Amino acid sequence: MTTEKAKNQRAFFLNLLGGNESDLVEAGQAIVEIGQPGGKAYMIKSGTARIDLFAGEHVIDLEPGDWIGLMGSIDGRPYSNRTVAVTDCELVPIDRKRAEYLFREHPSFAFKIIQTMIDRFYVIQELAKQSICK
């Protein structure tokens, strides 16, 4: 994702959700674990985190405004990756009911979530290409 696009997307999410209740997770603690039941997504309000892909072989670094556990919050499947707080994190939890409300009342929220998922898809696609070309 381009830096400007990422900044705009983060600003959008922080403006929309920044005032909501938040959870605190200390540096080094897991936010979600592989196999843990889905059901919530988390927007990073402050701090940084890292998604470990393919048993930590690849990572995605996350900043305020980024999302953790999006797919699990939508379809309820267990989380497929481990995400760890790199620094102390303040997270805004979004369960399915809240997500449905936001999709309905703020259609631009749904569009931004879809953009986030597409961006993540392209990251995974690029990693797969690199793995095949080794």
Foldseek 3Di string as FASTA:
>chain_A
DDPVVVVVLLVVQCVVPVVAAWDKDAAFAWPAAAQAWFFKKKAWQAAKKWKQDPNNPDIDIDGGSAMGRPVCQAPRHHDHIIMGGNHITIIHIDGNVNVVVCCVPPVVVVVSVVVNVVVVVVVVVVVVVVVVVD
